[in-house]
Amino acid sequence: MYGYILFDLDGTLTESAPGIINSIKYALNHYGEKIPPDEVLLRFVGPPLIDSFERIMGWPPEKSREAVDVYREYFSEKGLFENAVYPGVRELLKTLRGAGLRLGVATSKPQVFCERILKHFNLDGYFDVVKGIPLDGEDMSKAEVIAEALKAEGEPPENTLMVGDREHDVSGARQNSVDCIGVLYGYGSRRELEAAGAKAVFATAKEVGEFILGER
């Protein structure tokens, strides 16, 4: 029985790719880099940005950290609102709250941006806990963010469920002994999520709700 449900933000609650991709393009233009195709840029969505600049662009840590600051010049003003709530998500959150479940957000996005996005889309009232990374915390792992969300609510891991769209959501949850289910409407694939150890994978927010309430 799950009493505490943690959600990833990007690719799980909101379709954030347009703003993230535009912010990445802004940073790459700053360095005079050729802009990769969108299928490559989509790989930036979800994981910590510094890791993505290192892994995808092959940049050293120092340059990658600097690139995150450049990225935020665009993201903090425009990119965070180039975004949309996924179909069915608002109804899912309303249903889960109505069933008496406690809800939280655990994201690798800076907390200040996460809070602004949730407020902008009128989602903030659904959540008891919102945990992201500090603006200078790009080395903070998803597992550490989830651990902070668990600590904030004081809920045992065995009573907690993580909902995410990428492998680092699953692995971060497992490092905290938390079950994780995956969603396919985000930016990961069934193969990625199942290989990481997701308990189940669903195509829609409605199916997520049916699973969670069915486990009670």
N, C-alpha and C. Protein backbone atom coordinates (compact mmCIF):
# COMPACT_ATOMS: atom_id res chain seq x y z
N MET A 1 0.85 -1.20 0.00
CA MET A 1 0.00 0.00 0.00
C MET A 1 0.88 1.24 0.00
N TYR A 2 0.66 2.10 -0.98
CA TYR A 2 1.44 3.32 -1.08
C TYR A 2 0.65 4.50 -0.51
N GLY A 3 1.28 5.24 0.39
CA GLY A 3 0.64 6.41 0.96
C GLY A 3 1.24 7.71 0.48
N TYR A 4 2.43 7.61 -0.13
CA TYR A 4 3.18 8.79 -0.54
C TYR A 4 3.65 8.57 -1.97
N ILE A 5 3.22 9.43 -2.89
CA ILE A 5 3.54 9.29 -4.31
C ILE A 5 4.44 10.44 -4.72
N LEU A 6 5.63 10.12 -5.21
CA LEU A 6 6.57 11.12 -5.70
C LEU A 6 6.54 11.15 -7.22
N PHE A 7 6.50 12.35 -7.78
CA PHE A 7 6.50 12.52 -9.23
C PHE A 7 7.75 13.25 -9.68
N ASP A 8 8.32 12.77 -10.77
CA ASP A 8 9.29 13.57 -11.51
C ASP A 8 8.52 14.72 -12.15
N LEU A 9 9.22 15.77 -12.58
CA LEU A 9 8.55 16.90 -13.22
C LEU A 9 8.61 16.80 -14.76
N ASP A 10 9.81 16.99 -15.32
CA ASP A 10 9.97 16.99 -16.77
C ASP A 10 9.66 15.61 -17.35
N GLY A 11 8.72 15.55 -18.27
CA GLY A 11 8.40 14.29 -18.92
C GLY A 11 7.43 13.42 -18.14
N THR A 12 7.00 13.89 -16.97
CA THR A 12 6.06 13.13 -16.15
C THR A 12 4.84 13.97 -15.80
N LEU A 13 5.06 15.18 -15.31
CA LEU A 13 3.96 16.11 -15.07
C LEU A 13 3.79 17.08 -16.22
N THR A 14 4.91 17.58 -16.75
CA THR A 14 4.82 18.58 -17.82
C THR A 14 5.70 18.21 -19.01
N GLU A 15 5.22 18.62 -20.18
CA GLU A 15 5.95 18.43 -21.43
C GLU A 15 6.89 19.61 -21.61
N SER A 16 8.08 19.47 -21.07
CA SER A 16 9.01 20.59 -20.93
C SER A 16 10.04 20.69 -22.05
N ALA A 17 10.02 19.75 -22.98
CA ALA A 17 11.08 19.69 -24.00
C ALA A 17 11.25 20.98 -24.78
N PRO A 18 10.18 21.66 -25.23
CA PRO A 18 10.40 22.86 -26.04
C PRO A 18 11.27 23.90 -25.34
N GLY A 19 10.99 24.19 -24.08
CA GLY A 19 11.77 25.19 -23.36
C GLY A 19 13.19 24.74 -23.07
N ILE A 20 13.36 23.46 -22.76
CA ILE A 20 14.70 22.93 -22.50
C ILE A 20 15.53 22.95 -23.77
N ILE A 21 14.95 22.50 -24.87
CA ILE A 21 15.68 22.47 -26.14
C ILE A 21 16.06 23.89 -26.57
N ASN A 22 15.15 24.84 -26.45
CA ASN A 22 15.48 26.22 -26.81
C ASN A 22 16.59 26.79 -25.94
N SER A 23 16.60 26.40 -24.67
CA SER A 23 17.64 26.87 -23.75
C SER A 23 18.99 26.23 -24.08
N ILE A 24 18.97 24.95 -24.48
CA ILE A 24 20.21 24.27 -24.90
C ILE A 24 20.75 24.94 -26.16
N LYS A 25 19.87 25.23 -27.11
CA LYS A 25 20.30 25.90 -28.34
C LYS A 25 20.93 27.26 -28.03
N TYR A 26 20.33 27.97 -27.09
CA TYR A 26 20.88 29.27 -26.67
C TYR A 26 22.31 29.10 -26.14
N ALA A 27 22.51 28.07 -25.30
CA ALA A 27 23.84 27.83 -24.74
C ALA A 27 24.83 27.41 -25.83
N LEU A 28 24.41 26.54 -26.74
CA LEU A 28 25.31 26.09 -27.80
C LEU A 28 25.67 27.24 -28.73
N ASN A 29 24.71 28.10 -29.03
CA ASN A 29 25.00 29.27 -29.85
C ASN A 29 26.02 30.18 -29.18
N HIS A 30 25.92 30.28 -27.86
CA HIS A 30 26.87 31.09 -27.09
C HIS A 30 28.31 30.62 -27.33
N TYR A 31 28.48 29.31 -27.46
CA TYR A 31 29.82 28.74 -27.67
C TYR A 31 30.16 28.54 -29.14
N GLY A 32 29.27 28.97 -30.03
CA GLY A 32 29.53 28.82 -31.45
C GLY A 32 29.47 27.39 -31.94
N GLU A 33 28.72 26.54 -31.22
CA GLU A 33 28.63 25.13 -31.57
C GLU A 33 27.54 24.90 -32.62
N LYS A 34 27.74 23.93 -33.47
CA LYS A 34 26.71 23.51 -34.41
C LYS A 34 25.57 22.87 -33.63
N ILE A 35 24.34 23.22 -33.97
CA ILE A 35 23.19 22.72 -33.23
C ILE A 35 22.86 21.31 -33.71
N PRO A 36 22.88 20.31 -32.82
CA PRO A 36 22.51 18.94 -33.20
C PRO A 36 21.03 18.84 -33.53
N PRO A 37 20.62 17.77 -34.19
CA PRO A 37 19.19 17.57 -34.46
C PRO A 37 18.41 17.41 -33.15
N ASP A 38 17.09 17.65 -33.23
CA ASP A 38 16.26 17.61 -32.03
C ASP A 38 16.28 16.27 -31.32
N GLU A 39 16.45 15.17 -32.07
CA GLU A 39 16.48 13.86 -31.40
C GLU A 39 17.68 13.73 -30.47
N VAL A 40 18.75 14.44 -30.80
CA VAL A 40 19.91 14.48 -29.90
C VAL A 40 19.63 15.42 -28.73
N LEU A 41 19.06 16.58 -29.01
CA LEU A 41 18.77 17.54 -27.96
C LEU A 41 17.77 17.00 -26.95
N LEU A 42 16.89 16.10 -27.38
CA LEU A 42 15.92 15.51 -26.45
C LEU A 42 16.59 14.71 -25.35
N ARG A 43 17.82 14.27 -25.60
CA ARG A 43 18.53 13.50 -24.59
C ARG A 43 18.92 14.35 -23.39
N PHE A 44 18.83 15.68 -23.54
CA PHE A 44 19.10 16.58 -22.42
C PHE A 44 17.95 16.62 -21.42
N VAL A 45 16.77 16.17 -21.84
CA VAL A 45 15.58 16.30 -21.00
C VAL A 45 15.56 15.19 -19.95
N GLY A 46 15.60 15.59 -18.69
CA GLY A 46 15.49 14.61 -17.61
C GLY A 46 16.73 14.54 -16.73
N PRO A 47 17.87 14.05 -17.26
CA PRO A 47 19.07 13.92 -16.43
C PRO A 47 19.62 15.27 -16.00
N PRO A 48 20.45 15.31 -14.97
CA PRO A 48 21.11 16.56 -14.58
C PRO A 48 21.85 17.18 -15.77
N LEU A 49 21.72 18.48 -15.95
CA LEU A 49 22.25 19.15 -17.14
C LEU A 49 23.76 19.01 -17.28
N ILE A 50 24.48 19.15 -16.18
CA ILE A 50 25.93 19.07 -16.28
C ILE A 50 26.36 17.71 -16.82
N ASP A 51 25.66 16.65 -16.40
CA ASP A 51 25.96 15.31 -16.92
C ASP A 51 25.68 15.24 -18.41
N SER A 52 24.60 15.89 -18.84
CA SER A 52 24.24 15.84 -20.26
C SER A 52 25.23 16.61 -21.12
N PHE A 53 25.69 17.77 -20.67
CA PHE A 53 26.69 18.50 -21.44
C PHE A 53 27.98 17.68 -21.55
N GLU A 54 28.35 17.01 -20.47
CA GLU A 54 29.56 16.19 -20.51
C GLU A 54 29.38 14.99 -21.43
N ARG A 55 28.23 14.31 -21.30
CA ARG A 55 28.00 13.06 -22.02
C ARG A 55 27.69 13.29 -23.49
N ILE A 56 26.84 14.25 -23.78
CA ILE A 56 26.38 14.46 -25.15
C ILE A 56 27.35 15.32 -25.96
N MET A 57 27.85 16.39 -25.33
CA MET A 57 28.75 17.30 -26.04
C MET A 57 30.21 16.93 -25.87
N GLY A 58 30.49 16.06 -24.87
CA GLY A 58 31.88 15.68 -24.63
C GLY A 58 32.70 16.78 -23.99
N TRP A 59 32.03 17.69 -23.28
CA TRP A 59 32.72 18.82 -22.66
C TRP A 59 33.25 18.44 -21.28
N PRO A 60 34.33 19.07 -20.84
CA PRO A 60 34.87 18.82 -19.49
C PRO A 60 33.94 19.42 -18.44
N PRO A 61 34.07 18.98 -17.19
CA PRO A 61 33.17 19.45 -16.13
C PRO A 61 33.12 20.97 -15.98
N GLU A 62 34.26 21.63 -16.05
CA GLU A 62 34.27 23.08 -15.84
C GLU A 62 33.45 23.81 -16.90
N LYS A 63 33.65 23.43 -18.17
CA LYS A 63 32.88 24.05 -19.24
C LYS A 63 31.41 23.69 -19.14
N SER A 64 31.12 22.47 -18.73
CA SER A 64 29.73 22.04 -18.60
C SER A 64 29.01 22.83 -17.52
N ARG A 65 29.68 23.10 -16.41
CA ARG A 65 29.08 23.90 -15.35
C ARG A 65 28.80 25.32 -15.84
N GLU A 66 29.75 25.87 -16.58
CA GLU A 66 29.58 27.21 -17.14
C GLU A 66 28.41 27.23 -18.12
N ALA A 67 28.29 26.16 -18.93
CA ALA A 67 27.21 26.08 -19.92
C ALA A 67 25.84 26.04 -19.24
N VAL A 68 25.76 25.43 -18.07
CA VAL A 68 24.50 25.42 -17.32
C VAL A 68 24.09 26.84 -16.96
N ASP A 69 25.06 27.66 -16.56
CA ASP A 69 24.76 29.06 -16.23
C ASP A 69 24.25 29.81 -17.46
N VAL A 70 24.87 29.56 -18.62
CA VAL A 70 24.42 30.21 -19.86
C VAL A 70 23.01 29.73 -20.21
N TYR A 71 22.79 28.44 -20.11
CA TYR A 71 21.47 27.85 -20.36
C TYR A 71 20.40 28.56 -19.54
N ARG A 72 20.70 28.85 -18.29
CA ARG A 72 19.71 29.43 -17.40
C ARG A 72 19.40 30.88 -17.73
N GLU A 73 20.28 31.56 -18.47
CA GLU A 73 19.98 32.92 -18.89
C GLU A 73 18.69 32.95 -19.71
N TYR A 74 18.52 31.95 -20.57
CA TYR A 74 17.30 31.86 -21.38
C TYR A 74 16.18 31.17 -20.60
N PHE A 75 16.54 30.07 -19.94
CA PHE A 75 15.50 29.26 -19.29
C PHE A 75 14.77 30.03 -18.21
N SER A 76 15.48 30.82 -17.41
CA SER A 76 14.86 31.50 -16.28
C SER A 76 13.87 32.58 -16.70
N GLU A 77 14.00 33.08 -17.92
CA GLU A 77 13.11 34.13 -18.40
C GLU A 77 12.03 33.61 -19.35
N LYS A 78 12.38 32.65 -20.22
CA LYS A 78 11.45 32.20 -21.24
C LYS A 78 11.23 30.69 -21.23
N GLY A 79 12.33 29.94 -21.13
CA GLY A 79 12.26 28.50 -21.34
C GLY A 79 11.36 27.75 -20.38
N LEU A 80 11.33 28.17 -19.12
CA LEU A 80 10.55 27.41 -18.14
C LEU A 80 9.06 27.46 -18.42
N PHE A 81 8.59 28.47 -19.17
CA PHE A 81 7.17 28.57 -19.49
C PHE A 81 6.85 28.06 -20.90
N GLU A 82 7.86 27.64 -21.66
CA GLU A 82 7.64 26.99 -22.95
C GLU A 82 7.39 25.51 -22.64
N ASN A 83 6.21 25.22 -22.16
CA ASN A 83 5.95 24.03 -21.38
C ASN A 83 4.44 23.80 -21.36
N ALA A 84 3.99 22.59 -21.06
CA ALA A 84 2.56 22.31 -20.98
C ALA A 84 2.33 21.11 -20.07
N VAL A 85 1.20 21.10 -19.37
CA VAL A 85 0.83 19.97 -18.53
C VAL A 85 0.33 18.84 -19.44
N TYR A 86 0.81 17.63 -19.19
CA TYR A 86 0.37 16.49 -20.00
C TYR A 86 -1.12 16.21 -19.81
N PRO A 87 -1.78 15.70 -20.86
CA PRO A 87 -3.19 15.33 -20.75
C PRO A 87 -3.40 14.32 -19.61
N GLY A 88 -4.41 14.57 -18.81
CA GLY A 88 -4.77 13.65 -17.74
C GLY A 88 -4.03 13.84 -16.44
N VAL A 89 -2.96 14.64 -16.44
CA VAL A 89 -2.15 14.78 -15.22
C VAL A 89 -2.92 15.52 -14.13
N ARG A 90 -3.57 16.60 -14.49
CA ARG A 90 -4.31 17.36 -13.48
C ARG A 90 -5.40 16.49 -12.84
N GLU A 91 -6.09 15.73 -13.67
CA GLU A 91 -7.13 14.84 -13.17
C GLU A 91 -6.54 13.75 -12.27
N LEU A 92 -5.36 13.24 -12.66
CA LEU A 92 -4.68 12.23 -11.85
C LEU A 92 -4.35 12.77 -10.46
N LEU A 93 -3.78 13.96 -10.40
CA LEU A 93 -3.40 14.54 -9.12
C LEU A 93 -4.63 14.79 -8.26
N LYS A 94 -5.70 15.29 -8.87
CA LYS A 94 -6.93 15.55 -8.14
C LYS A 94 -7.51 14.25 -7.57
N THR A 95 -7.47 13.18 -8.36
CA THR A 95 -7.99 11.89 -7.92
C THR A 95 -7.18 11.33 -6.76
N LEU A 96 -5.86 11.39 -6.87
CA LEU A 96 -5.00 10.85 -5.82
C LEU A 96 -5.16 11.64 -4.52
N ARG A 97 -5.24 12.95 -4.62
CA ARG A 97 -5.46 13.76 -3.42
C ARG A 97 -6.82 13.45 -2.80
N GLY A 98 -7.82 13.26 -3.66
CA GLY A 98 -9.15 12.94 -3.17
C GLY A 98 -9.20 11.61 -2.45
N ALA A 99 -8.27 10.72 -2.82
CA ALA A 99 -8.20 9.41 -2.17
C ALA A 99 -7.38 9.45 -0.88
N GLY A 100 -6.89 10.62 -0.53
CA GLY A 100 -6.17 10.77 0.74
C GLY A 100 -4.68 10.51 0.67
N LEU A 101 -4.13 10.40 -0.54
CA LEU A 101 -2.69 10.15 -0.68
C LEU A 101 -1.92 11.46 -0.57
N ARG A 102 -0.71 11.38 -0.05
CA ARG A 102 0.18 12.52 0.00
C ARG A 102 1.04 12.49 -1.25
N LEU A 103 1.27 13.66 -1.84
CA LEU A 103 1.97 13.76 -3.10
C LEU A 103 3.19 14.66 -2.96
N GLY A 104 4.24 14.31 -3.73
CA GLY A 104 5.45 15.12 -3.74
C GLY A 104 6.07 15.17 -5.12
N VAL A 105 6.98 16.10 -5.31
CA VAL A 105 7.76 16.21 -6.54
C VAL A 105 9.22 16.03 -6.19
N ALA A 106 9.90 15.21 -6.98
CA ALA A 106 11.35 15.02 -6.83
C ALA A 106 11.97 15.16 -8.22
N THR A 107 12.70 16.24 -8.44
CA THR A 107 13.19 16.57 -9.78
C THR A 107 14.65 16.99 -9.75
N SER A 108 15.33 16.76 -10.85
CA SER A 108 16.72 17.22 -11.01
C SER A 108 16.78 18.66 -11.50
N LYS A 109 15.62 19.29 -11.65
CA LYS A 109 15.56 20.71 -12.00
C LYS A 109 15.77 21.54 -10.72
N PRO A 110 16.40 22.71 -10.82
CA PRO A 110 16.51 23.56 -9.62
C PRO A 110 15.15 23.82 -8.99
N GLN A 111 15.11 23.76 -7.68
CA GLN A 111 13.85 23.87 -6.96
C GLN A 111 13.14 25.18 -7.27
N VAL A 112 13.89 26.27 -7.39
CA VAL A 112 13.27 27.56 -7.64
C VAL A 112 12.51 27.56 -8.95
N PHE A 113 13.04 26.88 -9.98
CA PHE A 113 12.34 26.80 -11.26
C PHE A 113 11.14 25.86 -11.17
N CYS A 114 11.33 24.76 -10.46
CA CYS A 114 10.23 23.81 -10.28
C CYS A 114 9.04 24.48 -9.62
N GLU A 115 9.29 25.23 -8.57
CA GLU A 115 8.20 25.90 -7.86
C GLU A 115 7.50 26.91 -8.74
N ARG A 116 8.26 27.64 -9.56
CA ARG A 116 7.65 28.62 -10.47
C ARG A 116 6.77 27.94 -11.52
N ILE A 117 7.24 26.81 -12.03
CA ILE A 117 6.47 26.07 -13.04
C ILE A 117 5.18 25.52 -12.45
N LEU A 118 5.27 24.90 -11.29
CA LEU A 118 4.07 24.35 -10.64
C LEU A 118 3.05 25.45 -10.35
N LYS A 119 3.53 26.59 -9.88
CA LYS A 119 2.62 27.70 -9.59
C LYS A 119 2.01 28.25 -10.88
N HIS A 120 2.82 28.37 -11.93
CA HIS A 120 2.34 28.90 -13.21
C HIS A 120 1.18 28.07 -13.76
N PHE A 121 1.27 26.75 -13.60
CA PHE A 121 0.24 25.86 -14.13
C PHE A 121 -0.81 25.46 -13.08
N ASN A 122 -0.77 26.14 -11.92
CA ASN A 122 -1.73 25.87 -10.84
C ASN A 122 -1.71 24.41 -10.39
N LEU A 123 -0.51 23.86 -10.32
CA LEU A 123 -0.34 22.49 -9.82
C LEU A 123 0.21 22.46 -8.40
N ASP A 124 0.68 23.60 -7.92
CA ASP A 124 1.40 23.63 -6.64
C ASP A 124 0.53 23.18 -5.47
N GLY A 125 -0.77 23.42 -5.54
CA GLY A 125 -1.64 23.08 -4.43
C GLY A 125 -1.84 21.59 -4.22
N TYR A 126 -1.43 20.77 -5.18
CA TYR A 126 -1.61 19.32 -5.05
C TYR A 126 -0.50 18.67 -4.22
N PHE A 127 0.61 19.37 -4.01
CA PHE A 127 1.80 18.71 -3.46
C PHE A 127 2.11 19.13 -2.03
N ASP A 128 2.41 18.12 -1.21
CA ASP A 128 2.84 18.35 0.16
C ASP A 128 4.33 18.69 0.23
N VAL A 129 5.10 18.12 -0.70
CA VAL A 129 6.55 18.29 -0.70
C VAL A 129 7.02 18.55 -2.13
N VAL A 130 7.91 19.52 -2.29
CA VAL A 130 8.56 19.77 -3.59
C VAL A 130 10.06 19.83 -3.35
N LYS A 131 10.78 18.90 -3.98
CA LYS A 131 12.23 18.86 -3.82
C LYS A 131 12.91 18.87 -5.20
N GLY A 132 13.77 19.86 -5.38
CA GLY A 132 14.63 19.92 -6.54
C GLY A 132 16.05 20.10 -6.06
N ILE A 133 16.91 20.56 -6.95
CA ILE A 133 18.29 20.80 -6.55
C ILE A 133 18.50 22.29 -6.31
N PRO A 134 19.49 22.67 -5.50
CA PRO A 134 19.83 24.09 -5.40
C PRO A 134 20.45 24.57 -6.70
N LEU A 135 20.44 25.86 -6.92
CA LEU A 135 20.99 26.40 -8.17
C LEU A 135 22.46 26.03 -8.36
N ASP A 136 23.17 25.83 -7.27
CA ASP A 136 24.59 25.44 -7.37
C ASP A 136 24.77 23.95 -7.11
N GLY A 137 23.69 23.16 -7.30
CA GLY A 137 23.76 21.75 -6.93
C GLY A 137 23.72 20.80 -8.10
N GLU A 138 24.38 21.15 -9.20
CA GLU A 138 24.31 20.32 -10.40
C GLU A 138 24.93 18.94 -10.22
N ASP A 139 25.72 18.76 -9.17
CA ASP A 139 26.29 17.43 -8.91
C ASP A 139 25.37 16.56 -8.07
N MET A 140 24.22 17.07 -7.69
CA MET A 140 23.28 16.33 -6.85
C MET A 140 22.57 15.29 -7.70
N SER A 141 22.58 14.05 -7.26
CA SER A 141 21.98 12.96 -8.02
C SER A 141 20.48 12.88 -7.78
N LYS A 142 19.79 12.15 -8.65
CA LYS A 142 18.34 11.95 -8.46
C LYS A 142 18.09 11.16 -7.17
N ALA A 143 18.98 10.23 -6.86
CA ALA A 143 18.84 9.47 -5.62
C ALA A 143 18.88 10.39 -4.40
N GLU A 144 19.73 11.40 -4.44
CA GLU A 144 19.83 12.34 -3.32
C GLU A 144 18.57 13.20 -3.22
N VAL A 145 18.02 13.59 -4.36
CA VAL A 145 16.78 14.38 -4.35
C VAL A 145 15.65 13.55 -3.75
N ILE A 146 15.53 12.30 -4.16
CA ILE A 146 14.48 11.43 -3.63
C ILE A 146 14.67 11.22 -2.13
N ALA A 147 15.91 11.06 -1.70
CA ALA A 147 16.18 10.91 -0.27
C ALA A 147 15.70 12.14 0.51
N GLU A 148 15.90 13.33 -0.06
CA GLU A 148 15.44 14.55 0.60
C GLU A 148 13.91 14.60 0.67
N ALA A 149 13.26 14.13 -0.41
CA ALA A 149 11.79 14.10 -0.41
C ALA A 149 11.24 13.11 0.61
N LEU A 150 11.92 12.00 0.79
CA LEU A 150 11.52 11.03 1.81
C LEU A 150 11.69 11.61 3.21
N LYS A 151 12.80 12.26 3.42
CA LYS A 151 13.09 12.85 4.73
C LYS A 151 12.08 13.94 5.08
N ALA A 152 11.69 14.72 4.08
CA ALA A 152 10.78 15.84 4.32
C ALA A 152 9.42 15.36 4.79
N GLU A 153 8.95 14.24 4.26
CA GLU A 153 7.62 13.73 4.61
C GLU A 153 7.69 12.72 5.74
N GLY A 154 8.87 12.14 5.99
CA GLY A 154 9.01 11.16 7.05
C GLY A 154 8.31 9.86 6.76
N GLU A 155 8.13 9.56 5.47
CA GLU A 155 7.43 8.34 5.06
C GLU A 155 8.43 7.23 4.79
N PRO A 156 8.19 6.00 5.25
CA PRO A 156 9.11 4.90 4.98
C PRO A 156 9.17 4.61 3.48
N PRO A 157 10.33 4.20 2.97
CA PRO A 157 10.47 3.89 1.55
C PRO A 157 9.47 2.87 1.05
N GLU A 158 9.15 1.88 1.88
CA GLU A 158 8.25 0.82 1.43
C GLU A 158 6.82 1.31 1.21
N ASN A 159 6.47 2.48 1.75
CA ASN A 159 5.14 3.05 1.56
C ASN A 159 5.12 4.13 0.48
N THR A 160 6.25 4.28 -0.23
CA THR A 160 6.43 5.36 -1.20
C THR A 160 6.56 4.78 -2.61
N LEU A 161 6.01 5.49 -3.58
CA LEU A 161 6.12 5.12 -4.99
C LEU A 161 6.61 6.31 -5.78
N MET A 162 7.61 6.09 -6.63
CA MET A 162 8.12 7.12 -7.53
C MET A 162 7.50 6.92 -8.91
N VAL A 163 7.14 8.02 -9.56
CA VAL A 163 6.61 7.99 -10.93
C VAL A 163 7.53 8.84 -11.80
N GLY A 164 8.11 8.24 -12.84
CA GLY A 164 9.03 8.98 -13.69
C GLY A 164 9.06 8.44 -15.10
N ASP A 165 9.85 9.12 -15.94
CA ASP A 165 9.87 8.74 -17.36
C ASP A 165 11.24 8.33 -17.86
N ARG A 166 12.27 8.41 -16.99
CA ARG A 166 13.62 8.08 -17.44
C ARG A 166 14.28 7.11 -16.46
N GLU A 167 15.36 6.49 -16.93
CA GLU A 167 16.03 5.47 -16.15
C GLU A 167 16.59 6.01 -14.84
N HIS A 168 17.00 7.28 -14.81
CA HIS A 168 17.56 7.80 -13.56
C HIS A 168 16.49 7.99 -12.49
N ASP A 169 15.22 8.11 -12.90
CA ASP A 169 14.14 8.12 -11.91
C ASP A 169 14.04 6.76 -11.24
N VAL A 170 14.14 5.72 -12.06
CA VAL A 170 14.04 4.35 -11.54
C VAL A 170 15.24 4.01 -10.67
N SER A 171 16.43 4.29 -11.17
CA SER A 171 17.64 3.95 -10.40
C SER A 171 17.73 4.77 -9.13
N GLY A 172 17.33 6.05 -9.20
CA GLY A 172 17.35 6.88 -7.99
C GLY A 172 16.38 6.37 -6.94
N ALA A 173 15.21 5.91 -7.38
CA ALA A 173 14.25 5.33 -6.45
C ALA A 173 14.79 4.04 -5.84
N ARG A 174 15.34 3.18 -6.67
CA ARG A 174 15.84 1.90 -6.18
C ARG A 174 16.97 2.09 -5.17
N GLN A 175 17.79 3.10 -5.36
CA GLN A 175 18.86 3.37 -4.39
C GLN A 175 18.31 3.77 -3.03
N ASN A 176 17.04 4.18 -3.01
CA ASN A 176 16.38 4.53 -1.75
C ASN A 176 15.37 3.47 -1.32
N SER A 177 15.43 2.28 -1.96
CA SER A 177 14.50 1.17 -1.66
C SER A 177 13.05 1.55 -1.90
N VAL A 178 12.84 2.40 -2.92
CA VAL A 178 11.50 2.87 -3.29
C VAL A 178 11.12 2.24 -4.63
N ASP A 179 9.88 1.74 -4.74
CA ASP A 179 9.38 1.25 -6.02
C ASP A 179 9.22 2.41 -6.98
N CYS A 180 9.35 2.12 -8.28
CA CYS A 180 9.17 3.16 -9.29
C CYS A 180 8.38 2.59 -10.47
N ILE A 181 7.41 3.35 -10.94
CA ILE A 181 6.73 3.01 -12.18
C ILE A 181 7.08 4.05 -13.23
N GLY A 182 7.05 3.62 -14.51
CA GLY A 182 7.43 4.50 -15.60
C GLY A 182 6.24 4.93 -16.44
N VAL A 183 6.36 6.10 -17.06
CA VAL A 183 5.34 6.58 -18.00
C VAL A 183 5.96 6.70 -19.38
N LEU A 184 5.17 6.33 -20.39
CA LEU A 184 5.67 6.30 -21.77
C LEU A 184 5.33 7.56 -22.55
N TYR A 185 4.54 8.46 -21.97
CA TYR A 185 4.21 9.69 -22.68
C TYR A 185 5.31 10.74 -22.54
N GLY A 186 6.35 10.44 -21.73
CA GLY A 186 7.45 11.37 -21.53
C GLY A 186 8.57 11.15 -22.52
N TYR A 187 9.81 11.13 -22.02
CA TYR A 187 10.98 11.14 -22.91
C TYR A 187 11.82 9.88 -22.86
N GLY A 188 11.37 8.89 -22.10
CA GLY A 188 12.06 7.61 -22.07
C GLY A 188 11.30 6.57 -22.88
N SER A 189 11.84 5.36 -22.91
CA SER A 189 11.20 4.27 -23.64
C SER A 189 10.88 3.13 -22.69
N ARG A 190 10.01 2.24 -23.14
CA ARG A 190 9.71 1.05 -22.34
C ARG A 190 10.98 0.25 -22.06
N ARG A 191 11.80 0.09 -23.09
CA ARG A 191 13.03 -0.68 -22.92
C ARG A 191 13.93 -0.06 -21.86
N GLU A 192 14.08 1.27 -21.91
CA GLU A 192 14.92 1.96 -20.93
C GLU A 192 14.39 1.78 -19.52
N LEU A 193 13.10 1.98 -19.36
CA LEU A 193 12.50 1.92 -18.03
C LEU A 193 12.51 0.52 -17.45
N GLU A 194 12.18 -0.46 -18.28
CA GLU A 194 12.16 -1.84 -17.79
C GLU A 194 13.57 -2.34 -17.49
N ALA A 195 14.54 -1.94 -18.32
CA ALA A 195 15.93 -2.35 -18.07
C ALA A 195 16.45 -1.77 -16.75
N ALA A 196 15.97 -0.59 -16.39
CA ALA A 196 16.40 0.05 -15.15
C ALA A 196 15.73 -0.57 -13.93
N GLY A 197 14.64 -1.34 -14.15
CA GLY A 197 13.98 -2.02 -13.04
C GLY A 197 12.65 -1.44 -12.63
N ALA A 198 11.96 -0.73 -13.55
CA ALA A 198 10.64 -0.18 -13.21
C ALA A 198 9.68 -1.32 -12.84
N LYS A 199 8.87 -1.07 -11.83
CA LYS A 199 7.90 -2.08 -11.37
C LYS A 199 6.83 -2.33 -12.43
N ALA A 200 6.45 -1.28 -13.14
CA ALA A 200 5.48 -1.36 -14.23
C ALA A 200 5.65 -0.12 -15.09
N VAL A 201 5.11 -0.17 -16.29
CA VAL A 201 5.21 0.94 -17.24
C VAL A 201 3.83 1.19 -17.83
N PHE A 202 3.43 2.47 -17.92
CA PHE A 202 2.09 2.81 -18.37
C PHE A 202 2.12 3.88 -19.45
N ALA A 203 1.10 3.84 -20.32
CA ALA A 203 1.05 4.75 -21.46
C ALA A 203 0.36 6.07 -21.14
N THR A 204 -0.51 6.09 -20.13
CA THR A 204 -1.29 7.29 -19.85
C THR A 204 -1.32 7.59 -18.36
N ALA A 205 -1.64 8.84 -18.05
CA ALA A 205 -1.79 9.25 -16.65
C ALA A 205 -2.96 8.51 -16.00
N LYS A 206 -4.01 8.25 -16.76
CA LYS A 206 -5.16 7.52 -16.23
C LYS A 206 -4.76 6.14 -15.76
N GLU A 207 -3.92 5.46 -16.53
CA GLU A 207 -3.46 4.13 -16.15
C GLU A 207 -2.60 4.18 -14.90
N VAL A 208 -1.82 5.24 -14.75
CA VAL A 208 -1.02 5.42 -13.53
C VAL A 208 -1.94 5.47 -12.32
N GLY A 209 -2.99 6.27 -12.41
CA GLY A 209 -3.93 6.38 -11.30
C GLY A 209 -4.61 5.07 -10.97
N GLU A 210 -5.01 4.34 -12.00
CA GLU A 210 -5.66 3.05 -11.78
C GLU A 210 -4.73 2.08 -11.07
N PHE A 211 -3.45 2.09 -11.44
CA PHE A 211 -2.49 1.21 -10.79
C PHE A 211 -2.33 1.59 -9.32
N ILE A 212 -2.12 2.88 -9.06
CA ILE A 212 -1.86 3.32 -7.70
C ILE A 212 -3.06 3.02 -6.80
N LEU A 213 -4.25 3.33 -7.25
CA LEU A 213 -5.43 3.10 -6.42
C LEU A 213 -5.72 1.61 -6.29
N GLY A 214 -5.36 0.84 -7.30
CA GLY A 214 -5.54 -0.61 -7.24
C GLY A 214 -4.60 -1.29 -6.27
N GLU A 215 -3.49 -0.61 -5.93
CA GLU A 215 -2.51 -1.18 -5.00
C GLU A 215 -2.88 -0.87 -3.55
N ARG A 216 -3.90 -0.07 -3.35
CA ARG A 216 -4.24 0.32 -1.97
C ARG A 216 -4.94 -0.81 -1.24
